[in-house]
Amino acid sequence: ERVFSLLSKQLIAEKAGISVKAFDNFLVEHTGFLAQRNWLHTRQLLKQPMPTTFEDAEYLAEMDRPFSDAERKLYKEFNEQNKTKQIRLVGKGRNGPTGKHVRARHYRYPSKDLSRWSTQGPK
């Protein structure tokens, strides 16, 4: 989402005495802080335990907090730049192209029943 035009960014950066790139980085950090604040508020509304230290918050945020729009955009750009560096191993090893260990004729999906590790097929 574009909030500031290029001219307004230049004027704000000039007034603050920083570069336009530094101002863009500030905006990305600011949207990240807003996402963090919204995530903490949601945890509070759902009566989930609040993180006590910064490390706890960082650890929980990796699994629980959704990306902000700016973070999602940066993540997408990063993946597009590094797409050529990614190595895909398909059909390697004994697991075949799917990568699943097939030990029985029934593949038990994780969402079936309460016992995920049951050795019997579904009834």
Foldseek 3Di string as FASTA:
>chain_A
DDDDDPVRLCVVCVVVVHDSVVVVVVVQVVQQVVQLVVQQVVCVVVVHDDDDDPVSSVVCCVPRGDHGPSRVVVVVVVCVVCVVVDDDDAQDDDCGRVNDDDDDPAQQDCVPDPDSPDPDHDD
